[in-house]
């Protein structure tokens, strides 16, 4: 009887400590320049995909990028922090979710610049989006979407 109680208690504790299940809201903090509106579009896009997003407007966005080791050539419009990773720019949700499920040993991912047709941006997508790893060393493609 005691053994069953201990096993049940240990199971309940392990369930309580597991990461959020699929379908539950994930938490993101998006840093942007105060004047930027496409960043708000990206925040709305994340919210539509079950992310809880806090938007922080700052005149020190370059400092945020530097603190998170985002190289200048991989800078995007805004910097988002999600579950220990940096998501730089308008990265599509499929790639963000892939990052969070695979949990590679990298700092994060980036879709540099402000590509037309990317989430939060207007216009049509003209070419596939190349998303890069944020890691030390060589420039490595993480995904093409």
C-alpha atoms as a PDB file:
ATOM      1  CA  UNK A   1       0.000   0.000   0.000  1.00  0.00           C
ATOM      2  CA  UNK A   2       2.786   2.414   0.904  1.00  0.00           C
ATOM      3  CA  UNK A   3       4.688   1.426  -2.236  1.00  0.00           C
ATOM      4  CA  UNK A   4       1.698   2.267  -4.459  1.00  0.00           C
ATOM      5  CA  UNK A   5       1.353   5.623  -2.723  1.00  0.00           C
ATOM      6  CA  UNK A   6       5.038   6.426  -3.287  1.00  0.00           C
ATOM      7  CA  UNK A   7       4.914   5.443  -6.958  1.00  0.00           C
ATOM      8  CA  UNK A   8       1.755   7.507  -7.480  1.00  0.00           C
ATOM      9  CA  UNK A   9       3.271  10.479  -5.667  1.00  0.00           C
ATOM     10  CA  UNK A  10       6.491  10.245  -7.684  1.00  0.00           C
ATOM     11  CA  UNK A  11       4.458  10.072 -10.915  1.00  0.00           C
ATOM     12  CA  UNK A  12       2.471  13.169  -9.948  1.00  0.00           C
ATOM     13  CA  UNK A  13       5.647  15.045  -9.089  1.00  0.00           C
ATOM     14  CA  UNK A  14       7.271  14.081 -12.395  1.00  0.00           C
ATOM     15  CA  UNK A  15       4.156  15.179 -14.308  1.00  0.00           C
ATOM     16  CA  UNK A  16       4.201  18.523 -12.511  1.00  0.00           C
ATOM     17  CA  UNK A  17       7.833  19.082 -13.474  1.00  0.00           C
ATOM     18  CA  UNK A  18       7.551  18.228 -17.175  1.00  0.00           C
ATOM     19  CA  UNK A  19       7.658  21.039 -19.763  1.00  0.00           C
ATOM     20  CA  UNK A  20       4.430  22.492 -21.104  1.00  0.00           C
ATOM     21  CA  UNK A  21       2.454  20.051 -23.202  1.00  0.00           C
ATOM     22  CA  UNK A  22       1.751  20.674 -26.852  1.00  0.00           C
ATOM     23  CA  UNK A  23      -1.161  23.042 -27.266  1.00  0.00           C
ATOM     24  CA  UNK A  24      -0.397  24.969 -24.099  1.00  0.00           C
ATOM     25  CA  UNK A  25       0.775  28.547 -24.287  1.00  0.00           C
ATOM     26  CA  UNK A  26       4.503  29.192 -24.523  1.00  0.00           C
ATOM     27  CA  UNK A  27       6.051  32.407 -23.167  1.00  0.00           C
ATOM     28  CA  UNK A  28       7.971  34.862 -25.355  1.00  0.00           C
ATOM     29  CA  UNK A  29       9.508  38.286 -24.731  1.00  0.00           C
ATOM     30  CA  UNK A  30       9.888  40.401 -27.857  1.00  0.00           C
ATOM     31  CA  UNK A  31      12.228  43.425 -27.836  1.00  0.00           C
ATOM     32  CA  UNK A  32      11.632  46.067 -30.515  1.00  0.00           C
ATOM     33  CA  UNK A  33      12.195  49.687 -31.430  1.00  0.00           C
ATOM     34  CA  UNK A  34       9.255  51.837 -30.249  1.00  0.00           C
ATOM     35  CA  UNK A  35       8.427  53.043 -33.791  1.00  0.00           C
ATOM     36  CA  UNK A  36       8.309  49.600 -35.413  1.00  0.00           C
ATOM     37  CA  UNK A  37       4.874  48.252 -36.338  1.00  0.00           C
ATOM     38  CA  UNK A  38       5.865  45.015 -38.114  1.00  0.00           C
ATOM     39  CA  UNK A  39       7.228  43.758 -34.784  1.00  0.00           C
ATOM     40  CA  UNK A  40       3.724  44.090 -33.343  1.00  0.00           C
ATOM     41  CA  UNK A  41       2.534  42.040 -36.320  1.00  0.00           C
ATOM     42  CA  UNK A  42       5.029  39.316 -35.425  1.00  0.00           C
ATOM     43  CA  UNK A  43       3.916  39.402 -31.770  1.00  0.00           C
ATOM     44  CA  UNK A  44       0.302  38.952 -32.938  1.00  0.00           C
ATOM     45  CA  UNK A  45       1.425  36.062 -35.166  1.00  0.00           C
ATOM     46  CA  UNK A  46       3.022  34.336 -32.153  1.00  0.00           C
ATOM     47  CA  UNK A  47      -0.145  34.922 -30.102  1.00  0.00           C
ATOM     48  CA  UNK A  48      -2.249  33.342 -32.868  1.00  0.00           C
ATOM     49  CA  UNK A  49       0.011  30.300 -32.484  1.00  0.00           C
ATOM     50  CA  UNK A  50      -0.582  29.949 -28.723  1.00  0.00           C
ATOM     51  CA  UNK A  51       2.365  31.963 -27.435  1.00  0.00           C
ATOM     52  CA  UNK A  52       1.999  34.424 -24.585  1.00  0.00           C
ATOM     53  CA  UNK A  53       3.986  37.435 -25.731  1.00  0.00           C
ATOM     54  CA  UNK A  54       5.296  40.406 -23.781  1.00  0.00           C
ATOM     55  CA  UNK A  55       6.465  43.247 -26.029  1.00  0.00           C
ATOM     56  CA  UNK A  56       9.162  45.552 -24.687  1.00  0.00           C
ATOM     57  CA  UNK A  57       9.834  48.729 -26.637  1.00  0.00           C
ATOM     58  CA  UNK A  58      13.403  49.939 -26.225  1.00  0.00           C
ATOM     59  CA  UNK A  59      15.786  52.462 -27.736  1.00  0.00           C
ATOM     60  CA  UNK A  60      18.588  50.034 -26.785  1.00  0.00           C
ATOM     61  CA  UNK A  61      17.718  47.205 -29.189  1.00  0.00           C
ATOM     62  CA  UNK A  62      21.344  47.012 -30.340  1.00  0.00           C
ATOM     63  CA  UNK A  63      22.357  46.366 -26.724  1.00  0.00           C
ATOM     64  CA  UNK A  64      19.772  43.536 -26.467  1.00  0.00           C
ATOM     65  CA  UNK A  65      21.200  41.989 -29.648  1.00  0.00           C
ATOM     66  CA  UNK A  66      24.761  42.340 -28.349  1.00  0.00           C
ATOM     67  CA  UNK A  67      23.845  40.806 -24.957  1.00  0.00           C
ATOM     68  CA  UNK A  68      22.361  37.826 -26.815  1.00  0.00           C
ATOM     69  CA  UNK A  69      25.345  37.400 -29.165  1.00  0.00           C
ATOM     70  CA  UNK A  70      23.454  38.182 -32.369  1.00  0.00           C
ATOM     71  CA  UNK A  71      26.034  38.918 -35.099  1.00  0.00           C
ATOM     72  CA  UNK A  72      25.377  42.059 -37.136  1.00  0.00           C
ATOM     73  CA  UNK A  73      25.007  40.090 -40.376  1.00  0.00           C
ATOM     74  CA  UNK A  74      22.239  37.975 -38.789  1.00  0.00           C
ATOM     75  CA  UNK A  75      20.285  40.827 -37.186  1.00  0.00           C
ATOM     76  CA  UNK A  76      16.571  40.981 -37.757  1.00  0.00           C
ATOM     77  CA  UNK A  77      13.974  43.599 -37.012  1.00  0.00           C
ATOM     78  CA  UNK A  78      13.425  42.507 -33.409  1.00  0.00           C
ATOM     79  CA  UNK A  79      14.793  40.044 -30.863  1.00  0.00           C
ATOM     80  CA  UNK A  80      12.554  37.497 -29.156  1.00  0.00           C
ATOM     81  CA  UNK A  81      13.551  35.328 -26.210  1.00  0.00           C
ATOM     82  CA  UNK A  82      11.685  32.019 -25.900  1.00  0.00           C
ATOM     83  CA  UNK A  83      12.493  29.236 -23.446  1.00  0.00           C
ATOM     84  CA  UNK A  84      16.224  29.938 -23.313  1.00  0.00           C
ATOM     85  CA  UNK A  85      16.618  30.605 -27.055  1.00  0.00           C
ATOM     86  CA  UNK A  86      16.987  33.759 -29.133  1.00  0.00           C
ATOM     87  CA  UNK A  87      14.643  34.029 -32.112  1.00  0.00           C
ATOM     88  CA  UNK A  88      15.902  36.900 -34.246  1.00  0.00           C
ATOM     89  CA  UNK A  89      13.554  38.492 -36.773  1.00  0.00           C
ATOM     90  CA  UNK A  90      10.407  37.228 -38.479  1.00  0.00           C
ATOM     91  CA  UNK A  91      11.039  33.472 -38.159  1.00  0.00           C
ATOM     92  CA  UNK A  92       8.058  31.303 -39.237  1.00  0.00           C
ATOM     93  CA  UNK A  93       6.336  29.399 -36.420  1.00  0.00           C
ATOM     94  CA  UNK A  94       7.149  25.951 -37.834  1.00  0.00           C
ATOM     95  CA  UNK A  95      10.847  26.686 -37.429  1.00  0.00           C
ATOM     96  CA  UNK A  96      10.375  28.187 -33.952  1.00  0.00           C
ATOM     97  CA  UNK A  97       8.457  25.080 -32.873  1.00  0.00           C
ATOM     98  CA  UNK A  98      11.138  22.851 -34.419  1.00  0.00           C
ATOM     99  CA  UNK A  99      13.792  24.675 -32.376  1.00  0.00           C
ATOM    100  CA  UNK A 100      11.819  24.245 -29.152  1.00  0.00           C
ATOM    101  CA  UNK A 101      11.070  20.573 -29.753  1.00  0.00           C
ATOM    102  CA  UNK A 102      14.560  19.551 -30.941  1.00  0.00           C
ATOM    103  CA  UNK A 103      16.401  21.751 -28.388  1.00  0.00           C
ATOM    104  CA  UNK A 104      19.759  21.848 -30.229  1.00  0.00           C
ATOM    105  CA  UNK A 105      22.863  23.117 -28.468  1.00  0.00           C
ATOM    106  CA  UNK A 106      22.796  26.563 -30.126  1.00  0.00           C
ATOM    107  CA  UNK A 107      22.003  30.073 -28.895  1.00  0.00           C
ATOM    108  CA  UNK A 108      19.030  30.476 -31.229  1.00  0.00           C
ATOM    109  CA  UNK A 109      17.952  31.114 -34.807  1.00  0.00           C
ATOM    110  CA  UNK A 110      17.694  34.096 -37.134  1.00  0.00           C
ATOM    111  CA  UNK A 111      15.867  35.195 -40.251  1.00  0.00           C
ATOM    112  CA  UNK A 112      17.990  38.281 -41.018  1.00  0.00           C
ATOM    113  CA  UNK A 113      16.528  41.537 -42.251  1.00  0.00           C
ATOM    114  CA  UNK A 114      12.848  42.068 -42.903  1.00  0.00           C
ATOM    115  CA  UNK A 115      11.907  39.694 -45.754  1.00  0.00           C
ATOM    116  CA  UNK A 116       8.680  40.521 -47.561  1.00  0.00           C
ATOM    117  CA  UNK A 117       5.934  37.996 -46.875  1.00  0.00           C
ATOM    118  CA  UNK A 118       7.495  36.746 -43.651  1.00  0.00           C
ATOM    119  CA  UNK A 119       5.251  36.588 -40.550  1.00  0.00           C
ATOM    120  CA  UNK A 120       4.371  40.138 -39.537  1.00  0.00           C
ATOM    121  CA  UNK A 121       5.605  41.649 -42.809  1.00  0.00           C
ATOM    122  CA  UNK A 122       3.469  42.748 -45.709  1.00  0.00           C
ATOM    123  CA  UNK A 123       3.914  41.656 -49.301  1.00  0.00           C
ATOM    124  CA  UNK A 124       4.299  38.325 -50.985  1.00  0.00           C
ATOM    125  CA  UNK A 125       6.946  35.744 -50.205  1.00  0.00           C
ATOM    126  CA  UNK A 126       9.195  35.768 -53.251  1.00  0.00           C
ATOM    127  CA  UNK A 127      11.855  33.237 -52.259  1.00  0.00           C
ATOM    128  CA  UNK A 128      12.282  30.585 -49.560  1.00  0.00           C
ATOM    129  CA  UNK A 129      13.359  31.939 -46.176  1.00  0.00           C
ATOM    130  CA  UNK A 130      16.790  30.817 -45.011  1.00  0.00           C
ATOM    131  CA  UNK A 131      16.956  30.641 -41.218  1.00  0.00           C
ATOM    132  CA  UNK A 132      20.432  30.511 -39.676  1.00  0.00           C
ATOM    133  CA  UNK A 133      21.750  29.125 -36.408  1.00  0.00           C
ATOM    134  CA  UNK A 134      22.993  31.612 -33.863  1.00  0.00           C
ATOM    135  CA  UNK A 135      26.132  29.880 -32.695  1.00  0.00           C
ATOM    136  CA  UNK A 136      29.815  30.533 -32.564  1.00  0.00           C
ATOM    137  CA  UNK A 137      31.851  29.751 -35.604  1.00  0.00           C
ATOM    138  CA  UNK A 138      30.721  29.248 -39.153  1.00  0.00           C
ATOM    139  CA  UNK A 139      27.477  30.429 -40.679  1.00  0.00           C
ATOM    140  CA  UNK A 140      25.156  27.408 -40.569  1.00  0.00           C
ATOM    141  CA  UNK A 141      21.684  27.063 -42.081  1.00  0.00           C
ATOM    142  CA  UNK A 142      19.151  25.758 -39.560  1.00  0.00           C
ATOM    143  CA  UNK A 143      16.128  25.561 -41.871  1.00  0.00           C
ATOM    144  CA  UNK A 144      14.792  26.711 -45.219  1.00  0.00           C
ATOM    145  CA  UNK A 145      11.116  27.476 -45.279  1.00  0.00           C
END
